[in-house]
Amino acid sequence: MKPNKIALVTGGSRGLGKEIAISLSKKGIDVILTYHSKNAEADKVVSEIEKNGQKAKSFQLDTSTIGVFDDFIHQVSSYLNKEYGKPHFDFLINNAGTGIYQPFLETTEEQFDQMVNIHFKGVYFLTQKLVPMLNDEGRIVNISSGLTRFTLPNSSAYAAAKGAIDVFTKYLAKELGHRKIAANVVAPGAVATDFGGGENKNNEERRSIISNVTTLGRIGEPEDIGGIVAFLCTEEAAWINGQRIEASGGMML
């Protein structure tokens, strides 16, 4: 019997991360997930994964603060050694993040740094620290945004940081190829979650505008994204590498 594959999902307590974690478990993959502050929500996700017959564990992590990464690595390594007998896993899903809606001319340096630290710098250096723990033939999936292809006002800092992720992922694919580790981007369009204050979930005017410029005629839901990420962690997707896969329902074509 083959040992279970293991995925690490950052920001797995809510929204896209929650759906990604649950979708992975439905593929028979065990899950380690991180949360920033919502411990109770993370526990609910762990329980749901366990109901699907997979192991799950949550850890607190602020992905924007590089100084805490070593302690996080130690905690995860200890857990993996205890549960699986070795400190290795198979799939890294860099999902954690938040957003701001702020005009370029009003964006502060603090807001800019927050977006870069969460969505690029943190991803860059957390991945650097975790790659030695990834099994050969593993996968990295970085969550980007449709906003790196099309533009909507007031998202310049967030979108620019996500654009850096698109480029970074191609370099991961190139430089980790000798270990047969594939790296890809999933770029959601507008999705109805609590992200960025829940604008896509609660602002009916915004939802209507997005629906009208999306060829499938509606705003995205978290379930639309989770299965795509899970697919990229299957054998069927083994030959996909260095790609940006937009999942937007055909937004702004």
C-alpha atoms as a PDB file:
ATOM      1  CA  MET A   1       0.000   0.000   0.000  1.00  0.00           C
ATOM      2  CA  LYS A   2       1.401   3.371  -1.032  1.00  0.00           C
ATOM      3  CA  PRO A   3       1.846   5.952   1.746  1.00  0.00           C
ATOM      4  CA  ASN A   4      -0.482   8.928   1.600  1.00  0.00           C
ATOM      5  CA  LYS A   5       0.703  12.045  -0.145  1.00  0.00           C
ATOM      6  CA  ILE A   6       0.840  15.165   2.028  1.00  0.00           C
ATOM      7  CA  ALA A   7       0.022  18.771   1.094  1.00  0.00           C
ATOM      8  CA  LEU A   8       0.834  21.962   2.957  1.00  0.00           C
ATOM      9  CA  VAL A   9      -1.699  24.746   2.324  1.00  0.00           C
ATOM     10  CA  THR A  10      -1.056  28.246   3.654  1.00  0.00           C
ATOM     11  CA  GLY A  11      -4.121  30.260   4.618  1.00  0.00           C
ATOM     12  CA  GLY A  12      -6.273  27.141   4.812  1.00  0.00           C
ATOM     13  CA  SER A  13      -8.811  28.197   7.428  1.00  0.00           C
ATOM     14  CA  ARG A  14     -11.221  30.064   5.139  1.00  0.00           C
ATOM     15  CA  GLY A  15     -12.100  31.076   1.597  1.00  0.00           C
ATOM     16  CA  LEU A  16     -10.045  29.604  -1.218  1.00  0.00           C
ATOM     17  CA  GLY A  17      -7.590  27.932   1.128  1.00  0.00           C
ATOM     18  CA  LYS A  18     -10.356  26.049   2.903  1.00  0.00           C
ATOM     19  CA  GLU A  19     -11.780  24.769  -0.376  1.00  0.00           C
ATOM     20  CA  ILE A  20      -8.313  23.840  -1.622  1.00  0.00           C
ATOM     21  CA  ALA A  21      -7.574  21.872   1.550  1.00  0.00           C
ATOM     22  CA  ILE A  22     -10.896  20.021   1.420  1.00  0.00           C
ATOM     23  CA  SER A  23     -10.560  19.308  -2.305  1.00  0.00           C
ATOM     24  CA  LEU A  24      -7.096  17.838  -1.723  1.00  0.00           C
ATOM     25  CA  SER A  25      -8.478  15.562   0.981  1.00  0.00           C
ATOM     26  CA  LYS A  26     -11.114  14.297  -1.444  1.00  0.00           C
ATOM     27  CA  LYS A  27      -8.218  13.181  -3.666  1.00  0.00           C
ATOM     28  CA  GLY A  28      -6.861  11.053  -0.816  1.00  0.00           C
ATOM     29  CA  ILE A  29      -4.206  13.579   0.214  1.00  0.00           C
ATOM     30  CA  ASP A  30      -3.384  14.394   3.847  1.00  0.00           C
ATOM     31  CA  VAL A  31      -3.252  18.109   4.643  1.00  0.00           C
ATOM     32  CA  ILE A  32      -1.233  20.455   6.802  1.00  0.00           C
ATOM     33  CA  LEU A  33      -2.812  23.911   6.809  1.00  0.00           C
ATOM     34  CA  THR A  34      -1.865  27.247   8.262  1.00  0.00           C
ATOM     35  CA  TYR A  35      -4.038  30.001   9.669  1.00  0.00           C
ATOM     36  CA  HIS A  36      -3.225  33.563  10.672  1.00  0.00           C
ATOM     37  CA  SER A  37      -5.714  34.208  13.476  1.00  0.00           C
ATOM     38  CA  LYS A  38      -8.805  32.029  12.958  1.00  0.00           C
ATOM     39  CA  ASN A  39      -7.867  29.003  15.058  1.00  0.00           C
ATOM     40  CA  ALA A  40     -11.471  27.836  15.488  1.00  0.00           C
ATOM     41  CA  GLU A  41     -12.102  28.019  11.745  1.00  0.00           C
ATOM     42  CA  ALA A  42      -8.916  26.047  11.082  1.00  0.00           C
ATOM     43  CA  ASP A  43     -10.094  23.370  13.523  1.00  0.00           C
ATOM     44  CA  LYS A  44     -13.356  23.055  11.568  1.00  0.00           C
ATOM     45  CA  VAL A  45     -11.422  22.501   8.341  1.00  0.00           C
ATOM     46  CA  VAL A  46      -9.273  19.866  10.065  1.00  0.00           C
ATOM     47  CA  SER A  47     -12.445  18.086  11.235  1.00  0.00           C
ATOM     48  CA  GLU A  48     -13.934  18.137   7.750  1.00  0.00           C
ATOM     49  CA  ILE A  49     -10.758  16.696   6.240  1.00  0.00           C
ATOM     50  CA  GLU A  50     -10.727  13.951   8.859  1.00  0.00           C
ATOM     51  CA  LYS A  51     -14.345  13.125   7.949  1.00  0.00           C
ATOM     52  CA  ASN A  52     -13.050  12.578   4.405  1.00  0.00           C
ATOM     53  CA  GLY A  53     -10.734   9.923   5.805  1.00  0.00           C
ATOM     54  CA  GLN A  54      -7.470  11.908   5.702  1.00  0.00           C
ATOM     55  CA  LYS A  55      -5.080  13.172   8.348  1.00  0.00           C
ATOM     56  CA  ALA A  56      -4.967  16.919   8.955  1.00  0.00           C
ATOM     57  CA  LYS A  57      -3.161  19.356  11.211  1.00  0.00           C
ATOM     58  CA  SER A  58      -3.226  23.148  11.509  1.00  0.00           C
ATOM     59  CA  PHE A  59      -0.441  25.539  12.524  1.00  0.00           C
ATOM     60  CA  GLN A  60      -0.482  29.275  13.154  1.00  0.00           C
ATOM     61  CA  LEU A  61       1.666  31.258  10.721  1.00  0.00           C
ATOM     62  CA  ASP A  62       2.000  34.870   9.650  1.00  0.00           C
ATOM     63  CA  THR A  63       3.313  34.422   6.117  1.00  0.00           C
ATOM     64  CA  SER A  64       4.388  38.076   5.925  1.00  0.00           C
ATOM     65  CA  THR A  65       6.878  37.744   8.802  1.00  0.00           C
ATOM     66  CA  ILE A  66       9.997  35.883   7.720  1.00  0.00           C
ATOM     67  CA  GLY A  67      11.387  35.857  11.271  1.00  0.00           C
ATOM     68  CA  VAL A  68       8.814  33.258  12.385  1.00  0.00           C
ATOM     69  CA  PHE A  69       9.474  30.824   9.548  1.00  0.00           C
ATOM     70  CA  ASP A  70      12.209  28.799  11.271  1.00  0.00           C
ATOM     71  CA  ASP A  71       9.974  28.058  14.267  1.00  0.00           C
ATOM     72  CA  PHE A  72       7.156  27.077  11.902  1.00  0.00           C
ATOM     73  CA  ILE A  73       9.504  24.749   9.986  1.00  0.00           C
ATOM     74  CA  HIS A  74      10.526  23.123  13.262  1.00  0.00           C
ATOM     75  CA  GLN A  75       6.893  22.551  14.270  1.00  0.00           C
ATOM     76  CA  VAL A  76       5.968  21.057  10.905  1.00  0.00           C
ATOM     77  CA  SER A  77       9.087  18.858  10.830  1.00  0.00           C
ATOM     78  CA  SER A  78       8.327  17.533  14.303  1.00  0.00           C
ATOM     79  CA  TYR A  79       4.748  16.746  13.305  1.00  0.00           C
ATOM     80  CA  LEU A  80       5.812  14.995  10.093  1.00  0.00           C
ATOM     81  CA  ASN A  81       8.440  12.938  11.902  1.00  0.00           C
ATOM     82  CA  LYS A  82       5.925  11.879  14.534  1.00  0.00           C
ATOM     83  CA  GLU A  83       3.088  11.028  12.127  1.00  0.00           C
ATOM     84  CA  TYR A  84       4.973   9.769   9.078  1.00  0.00           C
ATOM     85  CA  GLY A  85       8.472   8.929  10.258  1.00  0.00           C
ATOM     86  CA  LYS A  86      10.206  11.522   8.072  1.00  0.00           C
ATOM     87  CA  PRO A  87      10.114  15.332   7.726  1.00  0.00           C
ATOM     88  CA  HIS A  88       8.977  15.447   4.129  1.00  0.00           C
ATOM     89  CA  PHE A  89       5.799  16.290   2.206  1.00  0.00           C
ATOM     90  CA  ASP A  90       4.693  16.352  -1.419  1.00  0.00           C
ATOM     91  CA  PHE A  91       2.706  19.452  -2.335  1.00  0.00           C
ATOM     92  CA  LEU A  92       3.144  23.104  -1.336  1.00  0.00           C
ATOM     93  CA  ILE A  93       0.183  25.412  -1.961  1.00  0.00           C
ATOM     94  CA  ASN A  94       1.066  29.076  -1.370  1.00  0.00           C
ATOM     95  CA  ASN A  95      -2.401  30.546  -0.907  1.00  0.00           C
ATOM     96  CA  ALA A  96      -2.361  32.791   2.178  1.00  0.00           C
ATOM     97  CA  GLY A  97      -3.118  36.424   1.542  1.00  0.00           C
ATOM     98  CA  THR A  98      -5.285  39.445   1.917  1.00  0.00           C
ATOM     99  CA  GLY A  99      -6.091  42.409  -0.278  1.00  0.00           C
ATOM    100  CA  ILE A 100      -6.646  46.118  -0.257  1.00  0.00           C
ATOM    101  CA  TYR A 101      -8.816  48.221  -2.533  1.00  0.00           C
ATOM    102  CA  GLN A 102      -6.971  51.522  -2.737  1.00  0.00           C
ATOM    103  CA  PRO A 103      -6.335  53.915  -5.628  1.00  0.00           C
ATOM    104  CA  PHE A 104      -2.702  54.048  -6.762  1.00  0.00           C
ATOM    105  CA  LEU A 105      -2.439  57.749  -5.890  1.00  0.00           C
ATOM    106  CA  GLU A 106      -3.610  57.060  -2.322  1.00  0.00           C
ATOM    107  CA  THR A 107      -1.669  53.847  -1.626  1.00  0.00           C
ATOM    108  CA  THR A 108       0.727  54.290   1.294  1.00  0.00           C
ATOM    109  CA  GLU A 109       4.162  52.756   1.647  1.00  0.00           C
ATOM    110  CA  GLU A 110       2.845  50.713   4.574  1.00  0.00           C
ATOM    111  CA  GLN A 111       0.041  49.280   2.437  1.00  0.00           C
ATOM    112  CA  PHE A 112       2.456  48.569  -0.395  1.00  0.00           C
ATOM    113  CA  ASP A 113       4.882  46.785   1.935  1.00  0.00           C
ATOM    114  CA  GLN A 114       2.023  44.728   3.365  1.00  0.00           C
ATOM    115  CA  MET A 115       1.032  43.491  -0.084  1.00  0.00           C
ATOM    116  CA  VAL A 116       4.611  42.706  -1.118  1.00  0.00           C
ATOM    117  CA  ASN A 117       5.459  40.995   2.180  1.00  0.00           C
ATOM    118  CA  ILE A 118       2.375  38.772   2.133  1.00  0.00           C
ATOM    119  CA  HIS A 119       2.098  38.001  -1.560  1.00  0.00           C
ATOM    120  CA  PHE A 120       5.697  37.949  -2.779  1.00  0.00           C
ATOM    121  CA  LYS A 121       8.492  38.243  -0.218  1.00  0.00           C
ATOM    122  CA  GLY A 122       6.842  35.853   2.228  1.00  0.00           C
ATOM    123  CA  VAL A 123       6.029  33.341  -0.510  1.00  0.00           C
ATOM    124  CA  TYR A 124       9.563  33.580  -1.900  1.00  0.00           C
ATOM    125  CA  PHE A 125      11.353  32.877   1.365  1.00  0.00           C
ATOM    126  CA  LEU A 126       8.859  30.413   2.842  1.00  0.00           C
ATOM    127  CA  THR A 127       9.160  28.370  -0.348  1.00  0.00           C
ATOM    128  CA  GLN A 128      12.936  28.600  -0.122  1.00  0.00           C
ATOM    129  CA  LYS A 129      12.836  27.148   3.379  1.00  0.00           C
ATOM    130  CA  LEU A 130      10.294  24.435   2.539  1.00  0.00           C
ATOM    131  CA  VAL A 131      11.748  23.127  -0.732  1.00  0.00           C
ATOM    132  CA  PRO A 132      14.329  20.951   1.111  1.00  0.00           C
ATOM    133  CA  MET A 133      11.357  19.224   2.790  1.00  0.00           C
ATOM    134  CA  LEU A 134       9.538  18.619  -0.512  1.00  0.00           C
ATOM    135  CA  ASN A 135       9.831  15.115  -1.902  1.00  0.00           C
ATOM    136  CA  ASP A 136      11.307  14.716  -5.368  1.00  0.00           C
ATOM    137  CA  GLU A 137       8.538  14.774  -7.992  1.00  0.00           C
ATOM    138  CA  GLY A 138       6.546  17.060  -5.697  1.00  0.00           C
ATOM    139  CA  ARG A 139       4.476  20.037  -6.781  1.00  0.00           C
ATOM    140  CA  ILE A 140       4.274  23.726  -5.946  1.00  0.00           C
ATOM    141  CA  VAL A 141       1.086  25.645  -6.713  1.00  0.00           C
ATOM    142  CA  ASN A 142       1.145  29.401  -6.191  1.00  0.00           C
ATOM    143  CA  ILE A 143      -2.128  31.310  -6.083  1.00  0.00           C
ATOM    144  CA  SER A 144      -1.999  34.464  -8.165  1.00  0.00           C
ATOM    145  CA  SER A 145      -4.844  36.551  -9.595  1.00  0.00           C
ATOM    146  CA  GLY A 146      -6.691  37.303 -12.798  1.00  0.00           C
ATOM    147  CA  LEU A 147      -5.633  40.893 -12.096  1.00  0.00           C
ATOM    148  CA  THR A 148      -2.201  40.119 -13.538  1.00  0.00           C
ATOM    149  CA  ARG A 149      -3.864  39.781 -16.975  1.00  0.00           C
ATOM    150  CA  PHE A 150      -6.732  42.287 -16.805  1.00  0.00           C
ATOM    151  CA  THR A 151      -7.031  45.424 -14.687  1.00  0.00           C
ATOM    152  CA  LEU A 152      -9.644  46.780 -12.321  1.00  0.00           C
ATOM    153  CA  PRO A 153      -9.170  50.081 -10.488  1.00  0.00           C
ATOM    154  CA  ASN A 154      -7.737  50.218  -6.966  1.00  0.00           C
ATOM    155  CA  SER A 155      -5.733  46.975  -6.999  1.00  0.00           C
ATOM    156  CA  SER A 156      -2.312  48.121  -8.229  1.00  0.00           C
ATOM    157  CA  ALA A 157      -0.215  47.078  -5.187  1.00  0.00           C
ATOM    158  CA  TYR A 158      -1.899  43.699  -4.803  1.00  0.00           C
ATOM    159  CA  ALA A 159      -1.839  42.922  -8.527  1.00  0.00           C
ATOM    160  CA  ALA A 160       1.793  43.965  -8.922  1.00  0.00           C
ATOM    161  CA  ALA A 161       2.822  41.601  -6.113  1.00  0.00           C
ATOM    162  CA  LYS A 162       0.843  38.800  -7.755  1.00  0.00           C
ATOM    163  CA  GLY A 163       2.545  39.602 -11.062  1.00  0.00           C
ATOM    164  CA  ALA A 164       5.842  38.925  -9.318  1.00  0.00           C
ATOM    165  CA  ILE A 165       4.474  35.516  -8.300  1.00  0.00           C
ATOM    166  CA  ASP A 166       3.680  34.686 -11.928  1.00  0.00           C
ATOM    167  CA  VAL A 167       7.317  35.314 -12.883  1.00  0.00           C
ATOM    168  CA  PHE A 168       8.745  33.674  -9.760  1.00  0.00           C
ATOM    169  CA  THR A 169       6.826  30.459 -10.456  1.00  0.00           C
ATOM    170  CA  LYS A 170       8.466  30.026 -13.849  1.00  0.00           C
ATOM    171  CA  TYR A 171      11.863  30.304 -12.187  1.00  0.00           C
ATOM    172  CA  LEU A 172      10.841  27.679  -9.616  1.00  0.00           C
ATOM    173  CA  ALA A 173       9.869  25.327 -12.435  1.00  0.00           C
ATOM    174  CA  LYS A 174      13.210  25.952 -14.151  1.00  0.00           C
ATOM    175  CA  GLU A 175      15.462  25.652 -11.124  1.00  0.00           C
ATOM    176  CA  LEU A 176      13.712  22.716  -9.438  1.00  0.00           C
ATOM    177  CA  GLY A 177      13.330  20.654 -12.590  1.00  0.00           C
ATOM    178  CA  HIS A 178      16.368  18.539 -11.738  1.00  0.00           C
ATOM    179  CA  ARG A 179      14.350  17.173  -8.799  1.00  0.00           C
ATOM    180  CA  LYS A 180      11.261  16.683 -11.009  1.00  0.00           C
ATOM    181  CA  ILE A 181       9.346  19.226  -8.898  1.00  0.00           C
ATOM    182  CA  ALA A 182       6.691  20.979 -10.986  1.00  0.00           C
ATOM    183  CA  ALA A 183       5.590  24.535 -10.200  1.00  0.00           C
ATOM    184  CA  ASN A 184       2.450  26.201 -11.530  1.00  0.00           C
ATOM    185  CA  VAL A 185       0.226  29.214 -10.926  1.00  0.00           C
ATOM    186  CA  VAL A 186      -3.528  29.174 -10.481  1.00  0.00           C
ATOM    187  CA  ALA A 187      -4.938  32.650 -11.086  1.00  0.00           C
ATOM    188  CA  PRO A 188      -8.541  33.041  -9.891  1.00  0.00           C
ATOM    189  CA  GLY A 189     -10.759  35.770 -11.216  1.00  0.00           C
ATOM    190  CA  ALA A 190     -13.143  37.540  -8.848  1.00  0.00           C
ATOM    191  CA  VAL A 191     -14.319  35.069  -6.185  1.00  0.00           C
ATOM    192  CA  ALA A 192     -17.028  35.553  -3.558  1.00  0.00           C
ATOM    193  CA  THR A 193     -15.065  35.232  -0.321  1.00  0.00           C
ATOM    194  CA  ASP A 194     -14.262  37.452   2.687  1.00  0.00           C
ATOM    195  CA  PHE A 195     -11.004  38.445   0.944  1.00  0.00           C
ATOM    196  CA  GLY A 196     -10.335  42.199   0.844  1.00  0.00           C
ATOM    197  CA  GLY A 197     -13.266  42.999   3.073  1.00  0.00           C
ATOM    198  CA  GLY A 198     -15.689  40.714   1.249  1.00  0.00           C
ATOM    199  CA  GLU A 199     -16.382  43.108  -1.642  1.00  0.00           C
ATOM    200  CA  ASN A 200     -16.946  40.281  -4.112  1.00  0.00           C
ATOM    201  CA  LYS A 201     -19.286  38.562  -1.690  1.00  0.00           C
ATOM    202  CA  ASN A 202     -21.354  41.432  -0.314  1.00  0.00           C
ATOM    203  CA  ASN A 203     -21.179  44.368  -2.739  1.00  0.00           C
ATOM    204  CA  GLU A 204     -24.070  43.732  -5.135  1.00  0.00           C
ATOM    205  CA  GLU A 205     -23.026  46.509  -7.515  1.00  0.00           C
ATOM    206  CA  ARG A 206     -19.546  45.016  -7.815  1.00  0.00           C
ATOM    207  CA  ARG A 207     -20.951  41.513  -8.216  1.00  0.00           C
ATOM    208  CA  SER A 208     -23.217  42.703 -11.035  1.00  0.00           C
ATOM    209  CA  ILE A 209     -20.363  44.436 -12.862  1.00  0.00           C
ATOM    210  CA  ILE A 210     -18.174  41.338 -12.617  1.00  0.00           C
ATOM    211  CA  SER A 211     -20.961  39.029 -13.763  1.00  0.00           C
ATOM    212  CA  ASN A 212     -21.557  41.235 -16.800  1.00  0.00           C
ATOM    213  CA  VAL A 213     -17.921  41.018 -17.930  1.00  0.00           C
ATOM    214  CA  THR A 214     -17.615  37.269 -17.294  1.00  0.00           C
ATOM    215  CA  THR A 215     -18.595  35.036 -20.188  1.00  0.00           C
ATOM    216  CA  LEU A 216     -20.164  32.413 -17.901  1.00  0.00           C
ATOM    217  CA  GLY A 217     -22.304  35.161 -16.398  1.00  0.00           C
ATOM    218  CA  ARG A 218     -21.574  34.971 -12.692  1.00  0.00           C
ATOM    219  CA  ILE A 219     -18.970  35.668 -10.053  1.00  0.00           C
ATOM    220  CA  GLY A 220     -16.651  32.845  -8.993  1.00  0.00           C
ATOM    221  CA  GLU A 221     -17.131  30.706  -5.897  1.00  0.00           C
ATOM    222  CA  PRO A 222     -14.402  29.068  -3.774  1.00  0.00           C
ATOM    223  CA  GLU A 223     -15.478  25.630  -5.009  1.00  0.00           C
ATOM    224  CA  ASP A 224     -14.563  26.718  -8.546  1.00  0.00           C
ATOM    225  CA  ILE A 225     -10.904  26.946  -7.544  1.00  0.00           C
ATOM    226  CA  GLY A 226     -10.277  24.145  -5.028  1.00  0.00           C
ATOM    227  CA  GLY A 227     -10.682  21.324  -7.512  1.00  0.00           C
ATOM    228  CA  ILE A 228      -8.280  22.902  -9.999  1.00  0.00           C
ATOM    229  CA  VAL A 229      -5.504  23.101  -7.411  1.00  0.00           C
ATOM    230  CA  ALA A 230      -6.210  19.534  -6.299  1.00  0.00           C
ATOM    231  CA  PHE A 231      -6.031  18.363  -9.919  1.00  0.00           C
ATOM    232  CA  LEU A 232      -2.553  19.886 -10.264  1.00  0.00           C
ATOM    233  CA  CYS A 233      -1.479  17.587  -7.421  1.00  0.00           C
ATOM    234  CA  THR A 234      -2.569  14.406  -9.207  1.00  0.00           C
ATOM    235  CA  GLU A 235      -0.665  12.100 -11.531  1.00  0.00           C
ATOM    236  CA  GLU A 236      -2.921  13.217 -14.387  1.00  0.00           C
ATOM    237  CA  ALA A 237      -1.379  16.702 -14.124  1.00  0.00           C
ATOM    238  CA  ALA A 238       2.238  15.560 -13.856  1.00  0.00           C
ATOM    239  CA  TRP A 239       3.228  17.032 -17.242  1.00  0.00           C
ATOM    240  CA  ILE A 240       1.914  20.533 -16.488  1.00  0.00           C
ATOM    241  CA  ASN A 241       4.828  22.695 -15.414  1.00  0.00           C
ATOM    242  CA  GLY A 242       5.697  26.387 -15.385  1.00  0.00           C
ATOM    243  CA  GLN A 243       2.174  27.368 -16.411  1.00  0.00           C
ATOM    244  CA  ARG A 244      -0.273  30.073 -15.377  1.00  0.00           C
ATOM    245  CA  ILE A 245      -3.793  28.634 -15.296  1.00  0.00           C
ATOM    246  CA  GLU A 246      -6.467  31.297 -15.038  1.00  0.00           C
ATOM    247  CA  ALA A 247      -9.755  30.218 -13.477  1.00  0.00           C
ATOM    248  CA  SER A 248     -12.052  33.189 -14.006  1.00  0.00           C
ATOM    249  CA  GLY A 249     -15.024  31.869 -15.941  1.00  0.00           C
ATOM    250  CA  GLY A 250     -13.798  33.855 -18.943  1.00  0.00           C
ATOM    251  CA  MET A 251     -13.603  37.238 -17.225  1.00  0.00           C
ATOM    252  CA  MET A 252     -12.817  40.220 -19.439  1.00  0.00           C
ATOM    253  CA  LEU A 253     -11.914  38.205 -22.527  1.00  0.00           C
END
